[in-house]
Amino acid sequence: MNETTQPAIVQSLRETILAGKLSPSQRLVEAQLAQWLGVSRTLLRDSYRQQLSLPSLHLLADAT
């Protein structure tokens, strides 16, 4: 990902979800998703908190 801004990450997550590349109820592993997007985990975490306004993404506490 060339742009590492929160809006760019939110847009990428939105497009990935809407394109069906993530299955419903699929667990997103933060470290893997950050690596896939080429961003830091902190930036990713802040970005998907923005994304929570979409009904397609819910943040759950890590069970580990």
Protein backbone atom coordinates (compact mmCIF):
# COMPACT_ATOMS: atom_id res chain seq x y z
CA MET A 1 0.00 0.00 0.00
CA ASN A 2 1.56 3.28 -1.08
CA GLU A 3 -0.61 5.52 1.04
CA THR A 4 -0.36 4.67 4.71
CA THR A 5 -3.01 7.09 5.90
CA GLN A 6 -6.02 6.03 7.92
CA PRO A 7 -8.46 6.94 5.11
CA ALA A 8 -6.48 4.78 2.65
CA ILE A 9 -6.47 1.84 5.06
CA VAL A 10 -10.19 2.25 5.82
CA GLN A 11 -10.90 2.36 2.08
CA SER A 12 -8.81 -0.76 1.48
CA LEU A 13 -10.60 -2.63 4.29
CA ARG A 14 -13.99 -1.49 3.00
CA GLU A 15 -13.19 -2.62 -0.56
CA THR A 16 -11.88 -5.97 0.68
CA ILE A 17 -15.00 -6.59 2.74
CA LEU A 18 -17.44 -5.47 0.06
CA ALA A 19 -15.62 -7.53 -2.60
CA GLY A 20 -16.20 -10.64 -0.49
CA LYS A 21 -12.48 -11.33 -0.02
CA LEU A 22 -13.16 -11.82 3.68
CA SER A 23 -15.83 -14.28 4.68
CA PRO A 24 -18.56 -13.34 7.17
CA SER A 25 -17.45 -13.81 10.76
CA GLN A 26 -13.86 -14.36 9.59
CA ARG A 27 -11.40 -13.61 12.35
CA LEU A 28 -8.93 -10.94 11.30
CA VAL A 29 -5.49 -11.44 12.82
CA GLU A 30 -4.09 -7.97 13.32
CA ALA A 31 -0.44 -8.86 12.66
CA GLN A 32 -1.27 -10.73 9.44
CA LEU A 33 -3.62 -8.02 8.18
CA ALA A 34 -1.06 -5.29 8.93
CA GLN A 35 1.61 -7.23 7.04
CA TRP A 36 -0.76 -7.83 4.10
CA LEU A 37 -1.58 -4.11 3.91
CA GLY A 38 2.04 -3.08 4.53
CA VAL A 39 1.24 -0.87 7.53
CA SER A 40 1.97 -0.84 11.24
CA ARG A 41 -0.35 -2.60 13.64
CA THR A 42 -1.01 0.69 15.44
CA LEU A 43 -2.09 2.45 12.25
CA LEU A 44 -4.22 -0.55 11.29
CA ARG A 45 -5.86 -0.63 14.73
CA ASP A 46 -6.70 3.08 14.59
CA SER A 47 -8.05 2.67 11.08
CA TYR A 48 -10.38 -0.21 11.79
CA ARG A 49 -11.77 1.63 14.78
CA GLN A 50 -12.92 4.17 12.18
CA GLN A 51 -14.34 1.32 10.13
CA LEU A 52 -16.56 0.14 12.99
CA SER A 53 -19.28 2.45 11.75
CA LEU A 54 -19.90 -0.13 9.00
CA PRO A 55 -22.15 -3.01 10.00
CA SER A 56 -19.72 -5.40 8.30
CA LEU A 57 -16.95 -5.10 10.90
CA HIS A 58 -17.08 -5.60 14.66
CA LEU A 59 -14.14 -5.37 17.04
CA LEU A 60 -13.88 -8.24 19.51
CA ALA A 61 -11.42 -8.53 22.36
CA ASP A 62 -8.59 -10.96 21.73
CA ALA A 63 -9.38 -14.20 23.52
CA THR A 64 -5.73 -15.09 24.03
